[in-house]
Structure formats: structure tokens, C-alpha cells
Amino acid sequence: MDLWGEGYVLIPRLFYFDTRFYSKEYVRVSGLDMFMGLEMGRELVRYKLVFYGLIAQEEGSHILHLIVPGEKIMFVENYVEYCRWHNGPLERKDNPLEREYCVREAVSELGYCSKHRNSIRAIYSKCFSTAGLESLRNCWILDEKYKDKINYTVYLLAYNKDKFKVGTTRTWRLLDRIAEQPHIVATTLYTSNSAVETRNIEIKAGKLERLTEKPHRKLKETIKTPIPPVLLKLEKTLTKTQRILGIKQTKQPTIFRIEPNTEITEYHKAKETNLKQIIGKQLIIQDYYAGHLLLEETNTNTKYLLKTNQILHKPSIKTT
């Protein structure tokens, strides 16, 4: 049902979801283990991503709407990017439907307007998204502002059988952050209440062999990769990285995986597309997972996978 009237242009702001525990299992990671039956295997905790919908803002207004799975939308050409500032807290989870996104155009590389380019959220972005002294200077400001109020976690995730990404997020947001990225399995490397400490660990780890801070975008390649051999390599990479960086853990961190609520086969069948190829088509929102929107074209049953960074904070959706 059309909630706003035909012709409204909306700015996608956030993919609203939750991660829920699904199962705990033991994965045998080597052929010899399976042949000899020598051990139960490595523990893997699985979560499901439950997608509630896309939060979108009316252009020129602070009003937010939730576009739920099953609703019809149409993508339009977009030439403007709006400031991503909003009034949600950094130190805890909030209700994203109560946030107030800025209606000014973005002017900074990180997507903030002139008014909010030095806001606390911009400082957080600069701390963990820039390099060198600029990064650490903003991490120091973050520590001064919040002191012991925020815990940060450095994580490792495997996105193929040989490559691993290192990143940092607020500890309370760890599962959500992993769910936003293509991954096979993931684990934690280091936790601290200091942004400076965690950023330093992230930078040092990102320079090690097989590790990178750069995001990975190839979802279909990742979801086709078998879990057992990658789980073993992630475990070994974690141990090696901790040893090199002098990190001591009292217990072995959990290895986990977050999966879409929709059957993974639906993602296998979908066509990877870019925004230009589907502009003007009437589409049904089906699901969201790992930075991708799963869509179905009406009357054709053709499914598409769209990278969400092409539409966020831009007036790119029209109600139909």
C-alpha cells in the first residue's frame, strides 16, 4: 500500500535490522579430523539477520518512514548527497525511527554538511575512517569526550579463503557491524574503552600479511565459500596476530557467522546490478544482508542484488 502518495522522493537513511541467535554447532575443519573422528571440531555460533525495513526521509523534511519488505519502490537518478548527521547516541543503542537526520547537503568526504563536519559523529568517523595523525587526533578527542563510557572492539572477518579484514566498532554494535559486511566467519581481536588504543591495534593489524582495513564488496563470491577451511585459517590468523601485537586473551574468542533470514539460495540466484540498470523499474523490497538489498522486479520474478552504498543519503527512491 502506498503510504505517502504517488511521486514522493525519499532519501534512504538506514537499513533497520536486528541480529538474533540461531544456533551453536561444532565444525570439523580438517579431513583428518573427520576421518579419524578425533575431535568434535571448532565451535561456531550462528546468528540470523532479521530485516525490518528501510528507513527513508522525505526530501526537504525531517519526517522518516519505514519501507517494509514486500513494498514496491522505484529508483530514480540522484545527484545530491545529504548530510548523514543525526541525533542518535554513540554509547548505546537507540530507536532509529526517532533520529533526526540533517537536511543540508554533504560537503565533506565523510558525508557531513558544513554545520556538522566537526560534530561528535563526524569525529567518530574521522577517528576510524581516516589515516595517520588525523585519525589519532580525532580518536583522542573521542576519548576526552566519552572517557570510559564507550567500549570498542577490533574484529577480524574472513571474506574469502585467504583474505581477512580488520575493523573497529563500538562493542555493543559488533554483531550489527559484521552483519553489514560480506563475511564467511568472524571473531574479535581486542577490546578497550580507549578509541586511541583500539585504532592503534587496528592500524598495526591491517599492515600484517593477509590482513586489510579495506572493505570487501563481493557478496556472491563470499557466500559460495565453504566454512570449515576458512574457520581454521581465521583461528590461526587470530592467534598469530595476537602474538605479533602482544595481545593476551584470558579465553579464546567466539567465532561466529551472521546469515540472512531469507534462504541463502535466493542471493545465489539474484543478478548483481548497479543503480543505473534498474532505474525506472518497479521493484519489491525482499531482504537486506551484508550491504546489499535483495529486490524482485514485479511481473518478471527477476531478482537483483544492489549494493546499498549507491543509494544511502541520496534522494534515490520514489514511491509507486
C-alpha atoms as a PDB file:
ATOM      1  CA  MET A   1       0.000   0.000   0.000  1.00  0.00           C
ATOM      2  CA  ASP A   2       1.252   3.499  -0.827  1.00  0.00           C
ATOM      3  CA  LEU A   3       1.753   5.294   2.482  1.00  0.00           C
ATOM      4  CA  TRP A   4       2.779   8.719   1.238  1.00  0.00           C
ATOM      5  CA  GLY A   5       1.147   9.318  -2.116  1.00  0.00           C
ATOM      6  CA  GLU A   6       2.495   8.738  -5.589  1.00  0.00           C
ATOM      7  CA  GLY A   7       5.555  10.703  -6.607  1.00  0.00           C
ATOM      8  CA  TYR A   8       7.246  11.280  -3.244  1.00  0.00           C
ATOM      9  CA  VAL A   9      11.041  11.226  -3.442  1.00  0.00           C
ATOM     10  CA  LEU A  10      12.662   9.676  -0.394  1.00  0.00           C
ATOM     11  CA  ILE A  11      16.239   9.595   0.920  1.00  0.00           C
ATOM     12  CA  PRO A  12      17.284   6.133   2.194  1.00  0.00           C
ATOM     13  CA  ARG A  13      18.948   6.647   5.566  1.00  0.00           C
ATOM     14  CA  LEU A  14      19.333   3.299   7.301  1.00  0.00           C
ATOM     15  CA  PHE A  15      18.675  -0.409   6.868  1.00  0.00           C
ATOM     16  CA  TYR A  16      16.816  -1.279  10.052  1.00  0.00           C
ATOM     17  CA  PHE A  17      17.564  -4.808  11.278  1.00  0.00           C
ATOM     18  CA  ASP A  18      18.424  -6.908  14.273  1.00  0.00           C
ATOM     19  CA  THR A  19      20.700  -9.925  14.769  1.00  0.00           C
ATOM     20  CA  ARG A  20      19.329 -12.911  16.685  1.00  0.00           C
ATOM     21  CA  PHE A  21      20.987 -16.047  17.985  1.00  0.00           C
ATOM     22  CA  TYR A  22      20.170 -19.025  15.779  1.00  0.00           C
ATOM     23  CA  SER A  23      22.363 -21.987  16.714  1.00  0.00           C
ATOM     24  CA  LYS A  24      25.663 -23.225  18.112  1.00  0.00           C
ATOM     25  CA  GLU A  25      27.449 -26.058  16.342  1.00  0.00           C
ATOM     26  CA  TYR A  26      30.820 -27.749  16.068  1.00  0.00           C
ATOM     27  CA  VAL A  27      32.518 -27.647  12.678  1.00  0.00           C
ATOM     28  CA  ARG A  28      35.189 -30.190  11.794  1.00  0.00           C
ATOM     29  CA  VAL A  29      37.799 -28.202   9.975  1.00  0.00           C
ATOM     30  CA  SER A  30      40.178 -30.824   8.576  1.00  0.00           C
ATOM     31  CA  GLY A  31      39.779 -34.020   6.583  1.00  0.00           C
ATOM     32  CA  LEU A  32      41.956 -35.967   9.007  1.00  0.00           C
ATOM     33  CA  ASP A  33      39.765 -34.948  11.934  1.00  0.00           C
ATOM     34  CA  MET A  34      36.668 -36.180  10.131  1.00  0.00           C
ATOM     35  CA  PHE A  35      38.342 -39.444   9.026  1.00  0.00           C
ATOM     36  CA  MET A  36      39.718 -40.291  12.466  1.00  0.00           C
ATOM     37  CA  GLY A  37      36.840 -38.860  14.465  1.00  0.00           C
ATOM     38  CA  LEU A  38      39.369 -37.405  16.855  1.00  0.00           C
ATOM     39  CA  GLU A  39      37.514 -34.289  17.950  1.00  0.00           C
ATOM     40  CA  MET A  40      34.161 -32.541  17.907  1.00  0.00           C
ATOM     41  CA  GLY A  41      35.552 -29.640  15.907  1.00  0.00           C
ATOM     42  CA  ARG A  42      35.587 -25.871  16.392  1.00  0.00           C
ATOM     43  CA  GLU A  43      32.626 -24.086  17.896  1.00  0.00           C
ATOM     44  CA  LEU A  44      30.694 -21.799  15.537  1.00  0.00           C
ATOM     45  CA  VAL A  45      27.857 -19.561  16.707  1.00  0.00           C
ATOM     46  CA  ARG A  46      25.296 -18.635  14.046  1.00  0.00           C
ATOM     47  CA  TYR A  47      23.032 -15.597  14.044  1.00  0.00           C
ATOM     48  CA  LYS A  48      20.214 -14.565  11.719  1.00  0.00           C
ATOM     49  CA  LEU A  49      19.740 -11.026  10.409  1.00  0.00           C
ATOM     50  CA  VAL A  50      16.086 -10.003  10.779  1.00  0.00           C
ATOM     51  CA  PHE A  51      15.324  -7.138   8.384  1.00  0.00           C
ATOM     52  CA  TYR A  52      12.534  -4.775   9.486  1.00  0.00           C
ATOM     53  CA  GLY A  53      12.763  -2.367   6.576  1.00  0.00           C
ATOM     54  CA  LEU A  54      14.431   0.647   5.032  1.00  0.00           C
ATOM     55  CA  ILE A  55      14.211   3.928   6.952  1.00  0.00           C
ATOM     56  CA  ALA A  56      13.800   6.769   4.462  1.00  0.00           C
ATOM     57  CA  GLN A  57      13.422  10.536   4.891  1.00  0.00           C
ATOM     58  CA  GLU A  58      11.174  12.829   2.914  1.00  0.00           C
ATOM     59  CA  GLU A  59      13.327  15.201   0.872  1.00  0.00           C
ATOM     60  CA  GLY A  60      13.297  18.651   2.486  1.00  0.00           C
ATOM     61  CA  SER A  61      11.750  17.321   5.700  1.00  0.00           C
ATOM     62  CA  HIS A  62      12.765  15.576   8.931  1.00  0.00           C
ATOM     63  CA  ILE A  63       9.902  13.074   8.593  1.00  0.00           C
ATOM     64  CA  LEU A  64      11.008   9.423   8.472  1.00  0.00           C
ATOM     65  CA  HIS A  65       9.165   6.438   7.025  1.00  0.00           C
ATOM     66  CA  LEU A  66       9.771   2.715   7.304  1.00  0.00           C
ATOM     67  CA  ILE A  67       9.549   0.900   3.956  1.00  0.00           C
ATOM     68  CA  VAL A  68       8.980  -2.728   4.911  1.00  0.00           C
ATOM     69  CA  PRO A  69       9.749  -5.895   2.916  1.00  0.00           C
ATOM     70  CA  GLY A  70       7.032  -6.524   0.337  1.00  0.00           C
ATOM     71  CA  GLU A  71       6.523  -2.851  -0.525  1.00  0.00           C
ATOM     72  CA  LYS A  72       7.024  -1.546  -4.060  1.00  0.00           C
ATOM     73  CA  ILE A  73       9.538   1.158  -4.884  1.00  0.00           C
ATOM     74  CA  MET A  74      11.224   2.704  -7.914  1.00  0.00           C
ATOM     75  CA  PHE A  75      14.754   4.076  -8.088  1.00  0.00           C
ATOM     76  CA  VAL A  76      15.392   7.475  -9.682  1.00  0.00           C
ATOM     77  CA  GLU A  77      18.513   9.383 -10.761  1.00  0.00           C
ATOM     78  CA  ASN A  78      20.198  11.131  -7.836  1.00  0.00           C
ATOM     79  CA  TYR A  79      22.736  13.928  -7.996  1.00  0.00           C
ATOM     80  CA  VAL A  80      22.787  15.188  -4.407  1.00  0.00           C
ATOM     81  CA  GLU A  81      24.158  13.628  -1.227  1.00  0.00           C
ATOM     82  CA  TYR A  82      22.731  14.779   2.080  1.00  0.00           C
ATOM     83  CA  CYS A  83      24.492  15.088   5.434  1.00  0.00           C
ATOM     84  CA  ARG A  84      24.373  11.843   7.402  1.00  0.00           C
ATOM     85  CA  TRP A  85      24.397  13.526  10.829  1.00  0.00           C
ATOM     86  CA  HIS A  86      21.627  12.553  13.224  1.00  0.00           C
ATOM     87  CA  ASN A  87      20.918  12.892  16.924  1.00  0.00           C
ATOM     88  CA  GLY A  88      21.292   9.250  17.987  1.00  0.00           C
ATOM     89  CA  PRO A  89      23.713   8.472  20.868  1.00  0.00           C
ATOM     90  CA  LEU A  90      27.144   6.930  20.281  1.00  0.00           C
ATOM     91  CA  GLU A  91      27.412   4.986  23.525  1.00  0.00           C
ATOM     92  CA  ARG A  92      24.211   2.920  23.365  1.00  0.00           C
ATOM     93  CA  LYS A  93      21.536   1.542  21.079  1.00  0.00           C
ATOM     94  CA  ASP A  94      18.622   3.825  20.281  1.00  0.00           C
ATOM     95  CA  ASN A  95      15.383   3.823  18.313  1.00  0.00           C
ATOM     96  CA  PRO A  96      16.461   4.743  14.745  1.00  0.00           C
ATOM     97  CA  LEU A  97      12.929   5.866  13.883  1.00  0.00           C
ATOM     98  CA  GLU A  98      13.341   8.718  16.375  1.00  0.00           C
ATOM     99  CA  ARG A  99      16.564  10.094  14.879  1.00  0.00           C
ATOM    100  CA  GLU A 100      16.731  13.498  13.243  1.00  0.00           C
ATOM    101  CA  TYR A 101      18.784  13.475  10.068  1.00  0.00           C
ATOM    102  CA  CYS A 102      20.151  16.733   8.711  1.00  0.00           C
ATOM    103  CA  VAL A 103      18.548  18.169   5.554  1.00  0.00           C
ATOM    104  CA  ARG A 104      21.660  20.033   4.362  1.00  0.00           C
ATOM    105  CA  GLU A 105      23.867  18.831   1.516  1.00  0.00           C
ATOM    106  CA  ALA A 106      27.082  16.991   2.373  1.00  0.00           C
ATOM    107  CA  VAL A 107      30.340  18.862   1.739  1.00  0.00           C
ATOM    108  CA  SER A 108      32.992  16.669   3.424  1.00  0.00           C
ATOM    109  CA  GLU A 109      34.439  13.405   2.096  1.00  0.00           C
ATOM    110  CA  LEU A 110      32.877  11.547   5.007  1.00  0.00           C
ATOM    111  CA  GLY A 111      29.423  12.841   4.127  1.00  0.00           C
ATOM    112  CA  TYR A 112      28.770  15.708   6.555  1.00  0.00           C
ATOM    113  CA  CYS A 113      27.485  19.230   5.897  1.00  0.00           C
ATOM    114  CA  SER A 114      29.420  22.369   6.885  1.00  0.00           C
ATOM    115  CA  LYS A 115      27.477  22.626  10.171  1.00  0.00           C
ATOM    116  CA  HIS A 116      28.117  19.027  11.259  1.00  0.00           C
ATOM    117  CA  ARG A 117      31.551  18.311   9.785  1.00  0.00           C
ATOM    118  CA  ASN A 118      33.021  18.665  13.303  1.00  0.00           C
ATOM    119  CA  SER A 119      30.138  17.068  15.216  1.00  0.00           C
ATOM    120  CA  ILE A 120      30.862  14.183  17.584  1.00  0.00           C
ATOM    121  CA  ARG A 121      29.640  11.723  14.947  1.00  0.00           C
ATOM    122  CA  ALA A 122      31.990  13.247  12.390  1.00  0.00           C
ATOM    123  CA  ILE A 123      34.825  12.961  14.924  1.00  0.00           C
ATOM    124  CA  TYR A 124      33.971   9.263  15.376  1.00  0.00           C
ATOM    125  CA  SER A 125      34.049   8.794  11.587  1.00  0.00           C
ATOM    126  CA  LYS A 126      37.385  10.614  11.308  1.00  0.00           C
ATOM    127  CA  CYS A 127      38.865   8.502  14.103  1.00  0.00           C
ATOM    128  CA  PHE A 128      38.081   5.170  12.434  1.00  0.00           C
ATOM    129  CA  SER A 129      37.875   6.117   8.731  1.00  0.00           C
ATOM    130  CA  THR A 130      40.919   8.328   8.169  1.00  0.00           C
ATOM    131  CA  ALA A 131      44.656   7.612   8.455  1.00  0.00           C
ATOM    132  CA  GLY A 132      47.746   8.897  10.256  1.00  0.00           C
ATOM    133  CA  LEU A 133      47.744  11.797  12.699  1.00  0.00           C
ATOM    134  CA  GLU A 134      44.278  12.969  11.598  1.00  0.00           C
ATOM    135  CA  SER A 135      42.826   9.634  12.696  1.00  0.00           C
ATOM    136  CA  LEU A 136      44.573   9.522  16.082  1.00  0.00           C
ATOM    137  CA  ARG A 137      43.885  13.207  16.827  1.00  0.00           C
ATOM    138  CA  ASN A 138      40.152  12.579  16.466  1.00  0.00           C
ATOM    139  CA  CYS A 139      40.373   9.341  18.483  1.00  0.00           C
ATOM    140  CA  TRP A 140      41.984  11.383  21.288  1.00  0.00           C
ATOM    141  CA  ILE A 141      39.091  13.893  21.146  1.00  0.00           C
ATOM    142  CA  LEU A 142      36.652  10.968  21.322  1.00  0.00           C
ATOM    143  CA  ASP A 143      38.386   9.606  24.424  1.00  0.00           C
ATOM    144  CA  GLU A 144      38.340  13.039  26.064  1.00  0.00           C
ATOM    145  CA  LYS A 145      34.638  13.409  25.339  1.00  0.00           C
ATOM    146  CA  TYR A 146      33.465   9.957  26.429  1.00  0.00           C
ATOM    147  CA  LYS A 147      36.282   8.756  28.740  1.00  0.00           C
ATOM    148  CA  ASP A 148      35.152   5.268  29.924  1.00  0.00           C
ATOM    149  CA  LYS A 149      31.613   5.387  28.532  1.00  0.00           C
ATOM    150  CA  ILE A 150      32.269   3.509  25.271  1.00  0.00           C
ATOM    151  CA  ASN A 151      33.942   0.139  24.714  1.00  0.00           C
ATOM    152  CA  TYR A 152      35.453  -0.525  21.287  1.00  0.00           C
ATOM    153  CA  THR A 153      36.202  -3.897  19.693  1.00  0.00           C
ATOM    154  CA  VAL A 154      38.698  -4.705  16.949  1.00  0.00           C
ATOM    155  CA  TYR A 155      37.360  -7.607  14.885  1.00  0.00           C
ATOM    156  CA  LEU A 156      38.630  -9.962  12.198  1.00  0.00           C
ATOM    157  CA  LEU A 157      36.402 -11.296   9.454  1.00  0.00           C
ATOM    158  CA  ALA A 158      37.154 -13.678   6.608  1.00  0.00           C
ATOM    159  CA  TYR A 159      35.670 -12.700   3.257  1.00  0.00           C
ATOM    160  CA  ASN A 160      37.346 -15.448   1.221  1.00  0.00           C
ATOM    161  CA  LYS A 161      39.602 -18.410   1.969  1.00  0.00           C
ATOM    162  CA  ASP A 162      42.805 -16.349   2.062  1.00  0.00           C
ATOM    163  CA  LYS A 163      41.866 -12.732   2.889  1.00  0.00           C
ATOM    164  CA  PHE A 164      40.831 -11.202   6.203  1.00  0.00           C
ATOM    165  CA  LYS A 165      39.528  -7.752   7.085  1.00  0.00           C
ATOM    166  CA  VAL A 166      40.320  -5.978  10.329  1.00  0.00           C
ATOM    167  CA  GLY A 167      37.984  -3.271  11.593  1.00  0.00           C
ATOM    168  CA  THR A 168      36.789  -1.498  14.738  1.00  0.00           C
ATOM    169  CA  THR A 169      33.319  -0.796  16.046  1.00  0.00           C
ATOM    170  CA  ARG A 170      31.607   0.046  19.301  1.00  0.00           C
ATOM    171  CA  THR A 171      31.338  -3.224  21.231  1.00  0.00           C
ATOM    172  CA  TRP A 172      27.563  -3.013  21.645  1.00  0.00           C
ATOM    173  CA  ARG A 173      27.291  -2.800  17.855  1.00  0.00           C
ATOM    174  CA  LEU A 174      29.644  -5.677  16.955  1.00  0.00           C
ATOM    175  CA  LEU A 175      27.080  -8.123  15.536  1.00  0.00           C
ATOM    176  CA  ASP A 176      25.332  -5.400  13.529  1.00  0.00           C
ATOM    177  CA  ARG A 177      28.644  -4.205  12.084  1.00  0.00           C
ATOM    178  CA  ILE A 178      29.631  -7.694  10.951  1.00  0.00           C
ATOM    179  CA  ALA A 179      26.127  -8.216   9.513  1.00  0.00           C
ATOM    180  CA  GLU A 180      26.670  -5.158   7.285  1.00  0.00           C
ATOM    181  CA  GLN A 181      29.678  -6.752   5.546  1.00  0.00           C
ATOM    182  CA  PRO A 182      30.189  -9.845   3.368  1.00  0.00           C
ATOM    183  CA  HIS A 183      31.843 -12.482   5.552  1.00  0.00           C
ATOM    184  CA  ILE A 184      32.222 -16.214   5.991  1.00  0.00           C
ATOM    185  CA  VAL A 185      33.151 -16.192   9.672  1.00  0.00           C
ATOM    186  CA  ALA A 186      34.293 -13.507  12.119  1.00  0.00           C
ATOM    187  CA  THR A 187      35.802 -13.108  15.581  1.00  0.00           C
ATOM    188  CA  THR A 188      37.151 -10.480  17.982  1.00  0.00           C
ATOM    189  CA  LEU A 189      40.790  -9.492  18.327  1.00  0.00           C
ATOM    190  CA  TYR A 190      40.924  -6.780  21.005  1.00  0.00           C
ATOM    191  CA  THR A 191      38.565  -4.747  23.225  1.00  0.00           C
ATOM    192  CA  SER A 192      39.262  -1.491  25.073  1.00  0.00           C
ATOM    193  CA  ASN A 193      37.461   1.609  26.345  1.00  0.00           C
ATOM    194  CA  SER A 194      40.056   3.758  24.555  1.00  0.00           C
ATOM    195  CA  ALA A 195      39.471   4.775  20.935  1.00  0.00           C
ATOM    196  CA  VAL A 196      43.194   5.589  20.603  1.00  0.00           C
ATOM    197  CA  GLU A 197      44.237   2.106  21.747  1.00  0.00           C
ATOM    198  CA  THR A 198      41.786   0.240  19.527  1.00  0.00           C
ATOM    199  CA  ARG A 199      42.593   2.370  16.487  1.00  0.00           C
ATOM    200  CA  ASN A 200      46.314   1.740  17.004  1.00  0.00           C
ATOM    201  CA  ILE A 201      45.706  -2.019  17.176  1.00  0.00           C
ATOM    202  CA  GLU A 202      43.530  -1.849  14.056  1.00  0.00           C
ATOM    203  CA  ILE A 203      46.194   0.076  12.109  1.00  0.00           C
ATOM    204  CA  LYS A 204      49.003  -2.296  13.139  1.00  0.00           C
ATOM    205  CA  ALA A 205      46.936  -5.399  12.384  1.00  0.00           C
ATOM    206  CA  GLY A 206      45.883  -4.021   8.998  1.00  0.00           C
ATOM    207  CA  LYS A 207      49.529  -3.906   7.905  1.00  0.00           C
ATOM    208  CA  LEU A 208      50.148  -7.612   8.562  1.00  0.00           C
ATOM    209  CA  GLU A 209      50.205 -10.258   5.849  1.00  0.00           C
ATOM    210  CA  ARG A 210      46.743 -11.292   4.576  1.00  0.00           C
ATOM    211  CA  LEU A 211      45.030  -8.562   6.619  1.00  0.00           C
ATOM    212  CA  THR A 212      43.482  -5.354   5.297  1.00  0.00           C
ATOM    213  CA  GLU A 213      41.318  -2.470   6.517  1.00  0.00           C
ATOM    214  CA  LYS A 214      39.695  -2.112   3.102  1.00  0.00           C
ATOM    215  CA  PRO A 215      36.062  -3.245   2.749  1.00  0.00           C
ATOM    216  CA  HIS A 216      35.105  -6.189   0.562  1.00  0.00           C
ATOM    217  CA  ARG A 217      32.061  -5.847  -1.695  1.00  0.00           C
ATOM    218  CA  LYS A 218      31.750  -9.220  -3.490  1.00  0.00           C
ATOM    219  CA  LEU A 219      28.874 -10.845  -1.620  1.00  0.00           C
ATOM    220  CA  LYS A 220      28.139 -13.695  -4.059  1.00  0.00           C
ATOM    221  CA  GLU A 221      31.790 -14.752  -4.074  1.00  0.00           C
ATOM    222  CA  THR A 222      31.804 -14.824  -0.271  1.00  0.00           C
ATOM    223  CA  ILE A 223      28.591 -16.796   0.283  1.00  0.00           C
ATOM    224  CA  LYS A 224      29.787 -19.545  -2.074  1.00  0.00           C
ATOM    225  CA  THR A 225      32.916 -20.223   0.017  1.00  0.00           C
ATOM    226  CA  PRO A 226      32.782 -23.313   2.305  1.00  0.00           C
ATOM    227  CA  ILE A 227      33.070 -22.616   6.031  1.00  0.00           C
ATOM    228  CA  PRO A 228      35.377 -25.322   7.522  1.00  0.00           C
ATOM    229  CA  PRO A 229      38.747 -24.457   5.941  1.00  0.00           C
ATOM    230  CA  VAL A 230      38.163 -20.724   6.406  1.00  0.00           C
ATOM    231  CA  LEU A 231      37.246 -21.183  10.062  1.00  0.00           C
ATOM    232  CA  LEU A 232      40.553 -22.932  10.686  1.00  0.00           C
ATOM    233  CA  LYS A 233      42.517 -20.209   8.852  1.00  0.00           C
ATOM    234  CA  LEU A 234      40.733 -17.461  10.793  1.00  0.00           C
ATOM    235  CA  GLU A 235      41.581 -19.202  14.061  1.00  0.00           C
ATOM    236  CA  LYS A 236      45.258 -19.450  13.094  1.00  0.00           C
ATOM    237  CA  THR A 237      45.323 -15.836  11.841  1.00  0.00           C
ATOM    238  CA  LEU A 238      43.811 -14.640  15.122  1.00  0.00           C
ATOM    239  CA  THR A 239      46.435 -16.484  17.206  1.00  0.00           C
ATOM    240  CA  LYS A 240      49.293 -15.219  15.027  1.00  0.00           C
ATOM    241  CA  THR A 241      48.043 -11.616  15.064  1.00  0.00           C
ATOM    242  CA  GLN A 242      47.628 -11.609  18.844  1.00  0.00           C
ATOM    243  CA  ARG A 243      51.157 -12.976  19.267  1.00  0.00           C
ATOM    244  CA  ILE A 244      52.716 -10.367  16.933  1.00  0.00           C
ATOM    245  CA  LEU A 245      50.845  -7.474  18.575  1.00  0.00           C
ATOM    246  CA  GLY A 246      51.389  -8.720  22.127  1.00  0.00           C
ATOM    247  CA  ILE A 247      47.680  -9.148  22.867  1.00  0.00           C
ATOM    248  CA  LYS A 248      46.894 -11.514  25.741  1.00  0.00           C
ATOM    249  CA  GLN A 249      43.411 -13.043  25.989  1.00  0.00           C
ATOM    250  CA  THR A 250      42.145 -14.980  29.028  1.00  0.00           C
ATOM    251  CA  LYS A 251      39.925 -17.158  26.836  1.00  0.00           C
ATOM    252  CA  GLN A 252      39.560 -17.994  23.159  1.00  0.00           C
ATOM    253  CA  PRO A 253      37.157 -15.555  21.465  1.00  0.00           C
ATOM    254  CA  THR A 254      33.939 -16.869  19.907  1.00  0.00           C
ATOM    255  CA  ILE A 255      33.922 -17.468  16.167  1.00  0.00           C
ATOM    256  CA  PHE A 256      30.575 -16.523  14.678  1.00  0.00           C
ATOM    257  CA  ARG A 257      28.688 -16.057  11.438  1.00  0.00           C
ATOM    258  CA  ILE A 258      25.640 -13.947  10.581  1.00  0.00           C
ATOM    259  CA  GLU A 259      23.302 -15.169   7.842  1.00  0.00           C
ATOM    260  CA  PRO A 260      20.293 -13.616   6.089  1.00  0.00           C
ATOM    261  CA  ASN A 261      16.800 -14.564   7.221  1.00  0.00           C
ATOM    262  CA  THR A 262      15.909 -15.292   3.588  1.00  0.00           C
ATOM    263  CA  GLU A 263      17.309 -18.550   2.214  1.00  0.00           C
ATOM    264  CA  ILE A 264      20.868 -18.026   1.001  1.00  0.00           C
ATOM    265  CA  THR A 265      19.900 -19.638  -2.335  1.00  0.00           C
ATOM    266  CA  GLU A 266      17.814 -16.526  -3.127  1.00  0.00           C
ATOM    267  CA  TYR A 267      21.026 -14.475  -3.013  1.00  0.00           C
ATOM    268  CA  HIS A 268      22.774 -17.007  -5.247  1.00  0.00           C
ATOM    269  CA  LYS A 269      20.026 -16.668  -7.876  1.00  0.00           C
ATOM    270  CA  ALA A 270      19.855 -12.863  -7.864  1.00  0.00           C
ATOM    271  CA  LYS A 271      21.608 -10.780 -10.528  1.00  0.00           C
ATOM    272  CA  GLU A 272      24.248  -8.373  -9.254  1.00  0.00           C
ATOM    273  CA  THR A 273      23.355  -4.957 -10.626  1.00  0.00           C
ATOM    274  CA  ASN A 274      24.190  -1.278 -10.360  1.00  0.00           C
ATOM    275  CA  LEU A 275      21.706   1.507  -9.797  1.00  0.00           C
ATOM    276  CA  LYS A 276      21.653   2.745 -13.404  1.00  0.00           C
ATOM    277  CA  GLN A 277      20.499  -0.653 -14.691  1.00  0.00           C
ATOM    278  CA  ILE A 278      17.343  -0.718 -12.573  1.00  0.00           C
ATOM    279  CA  ILE A 279      16.274   2.947 -12.558  1.00  0.00           C
ATOM    280  CA  GLY A 280      12.603   3.218 -13.522  1.00  0.00           C
ATOM    281  CA  LYS A 281      11.758  -0.443 -12.823  1.00  0.00           C
ATOM    282  CA  GLN A 282       9.008  -1.256 -10.346  1.00  0.00           C
ATOM    283  CA  LEU A 283      10.680  -3.344  -7.655  1.00  0.00           C
ATOM    284  CA  ILE A 284       9.652  -5.160  -4.492  1.00  0.00           C
ATOM    285  CA  ILE A 285      11.937  -4.982  -1.459  1.00  0.00           C
ATOM    286  CA  GLN A 286      12.600  -8.524  -0.245  1.00  0.00           C
ATOM    287  CA  ASP A 287      15.536  -8.502   2.149  1.00  0.00           C
ATOM    288  CA  TYR A 288      18.790  -6.859   3.222  1.00  0.00           C
ATOM    289  CA  TYR A 289      22.100  -8.520   4.049  1.00  0.00           C
ATOM    290  CA  ALA A 290      25.782  -7.571   4.138  1.00  0.00           C
ATOM    291  CA  GLY A 291      25.457  -4.176   2.463  1.00  0.00           C
ATOM    292  CA  HIS A 292      23.155  -5.460  -0.287  1.00  0.00           C
ATOM    293  CA  LEU A 293      19.458  -5.038  -0.959  1.00  0.00           C
ATOM    294  CA  LEU A 294      17.598  -8.050  -2.399  1.00  0.00           C
ATOM    295  CA  LEU A 295      14.913  -6.891  -4.840  1.00  0.00           C
ATOM    296  CA  GLU A 296      12.401  -8.530  -7.165  1.00  0.00           C
ATOM    297  CA  GLU A 297      11.052  -6.919 -10.334  1.00  0.00           C
ATOM    298  CA  THR A 298       7.273  -7.021 -10.498  1.00  0.00           C
ATOM    299  CA  ASN A 299       5.707  -9.263 -13.183  1.00  0.00           C
ATOM    300  CA  THR A 300       9.062 -10.873 -14.132  1.00  0.00           C
ATOM    301  CA  ASN A 301      10.239 -12.609 -10.921  1.00  0.00           C
ATOM    302  CA  THR A 302      13.753 -11.376 -11.758  1.00  0.00           C
ATOM    303  CA  LYS A 303      15.777 -10.849  -8.589  1.00  0.00           C
ATOM    304  CA  TYR A 304      18.522  -8.233  -8.176  1.00  0.00           C
ATOM    305  CA  LEU A 305      21.308  -7.586  -5.678  1.00  0.00           C
ATOM    306  CA  LEU A 306      22.102  -3.890  -5.244  1.00  0.00           C
ATOM    307  CA  LYS A 307      24.989  -2.502  -3.179  1.00  0.00           C
ATOM    308  CA  THR A 308      23.378  -0.108  -0.756  1.00  0.00           C
ATOM    309  CA  ASN A 309      26.179   2.468  -0.822  1.00  0.00           C
ATOM    310  CA  GLN A 310      24.764   3.581  -4.192  1.00  0.00           C
ATOM    311  CA  ILE A 311      21.541   4.879  -2.645  1.00  0.00           C
ATOM    312  CA  LEU A 312      22.177   5.840   1.002  1.00  0.00           C
ATOM    313  CA  HIS A 313      21.785   9.539   1.894  1.00  0.00           C
ATOM    314  CA  LYS A 314      20.718  10.383  -1.670  1.00  0.00           C
ATOM    315  CA  PRO A 315      17.183  11.173  -2.972  1.00  0.00           C
ATOM    316  CA  SER A 316      17.072   7.884  -4.858  1.00  0.00           C
ATOM    317  CA  ILE A 317      13.687   6.281  -4.155  1.00  0.00           C
ATOM    318  CA  LYS A 318      10.267   7.173  -5.485  1.00  0.00           C
ATOM    319  CA  THR A 319       7.049   5.663  -4.138  1.00  0.00           C
ATOM    320  CA  THR A 320       4.838   3.910  -6.703  1.00  0.00           C
END
